[in-house]
Amino acid sequence: MVENGNVEIFQTAANGRVIYTADQRTDEVVELFATYQQSTIFLPLVTQP
């Protein structure tokens, strides 16, 4: 995990990535990260409207 201001970047061995703000540290986001662990692409930014 790399902390950058209020944004945290989780990077997997497969170079998949989920980026979200500290205010969105929810089980749903964590589950989304786990779902795409083996992705070889960079994942889109998880945001709230």
Protein backbone atom coordinates (compact mmCIF):
# COMPACT_ATOMS: atom_id res chain seq x y z
CA MET A 1 0.00 0.00 0.00
CA VAL A 2 1.26 3.45 -0.90
CA GLU A 3 -0.25 6.46 0.81
CA ASN A 4 -0.34 9.69 -1.15
CA GLY A 5 -2.24 12.44 0.66
CA ASN A 6 -5.80 11.20 1.10
CA VAL A 7 -5.44 8.68 -1.72
CA GLU A 8 -4.29 5.12 -1.21
CA ILE A 9 -2.99 2.92 -3.99
CA PHE A 10 -3.23 -0.84 -3.74
CA GLN A 11 -1.11 -2.68 -6.27
CA THR A 12 -1.17 -6.40 -6.93
CA ALA A 13 1.57 -8.65 -8.23
CA ALA A 14 -0.30 -8.63 -11.54
CA ASN A 15 -0.05 -4.84 -11.71
CA GLY A 16 -3.77 -4.42 -11.12
CA ARG A 17 -4.58 -1.25 -9.23
CA VAL A 18 -7.45 0.24 -7.28
CA ILE A 19 -7.22 3.87 -6.19
CA TYR A 20 -9.70 5.49 -3.84
CA THR A 21 -9.87 8.25 -1.28
CA ALA A 22 -9.58 7.60 2.45
CA ASP A 23 -13.27 8.48 2.79
CA GLN A 24 -14.17 5.46 0.69
CA ARG A 25 -12.45 2.78 2.74
CA THR A 26 -15.42 0.44 2.66
CA ASP A 27 -15.85 -3.29 2.38
CA GLU A 28 -17.26 -2.80 -1.11
CA VAL A 29 -14.08 -1.13 -2.32
CA VAL A 30 -11.90 -3.76 -0.69
CA GLU A 31 -14.00 -6.47 -2.31
CA LEU A 32 -13.69 -4.74 -5.67
CA PHE A 33 -9.92 -4.76 -5.23
CA ALA A 34 -9.95 -8.45 -4.42
CA THR A 35 -12.16 -9.16 -7.43
CA TYR A 36 -9.63 -7.63 -9.81
CA GLN A 37 -6.45 -8.81 -8.08
CA GLN A 38 -5.28 -10.76 -11.10
CA SER A 39 -6.04 -8.04 -13.63
CA THR A 40 -3.14 -6.98 -15.84
CA ILE A 41 -4.63 -3.55 -16.54
CA PHE A 42 -4.92 -0.44 -14.42
CA LEU A 43 -8.36 -0.21 -12.92
CA PRO A 44 -10.50 2.92 -13.13
CA LEU A 45 -10.70 5.38 -10.27
CA VAL A 46 -13.36 4.45 -7.73
CA THR A 47 -15.29 7.60 -6.95
CA GLN A 48 -18.55 8.79 -5.46
CA PRO A 49 -20.77 11.39 -7.14
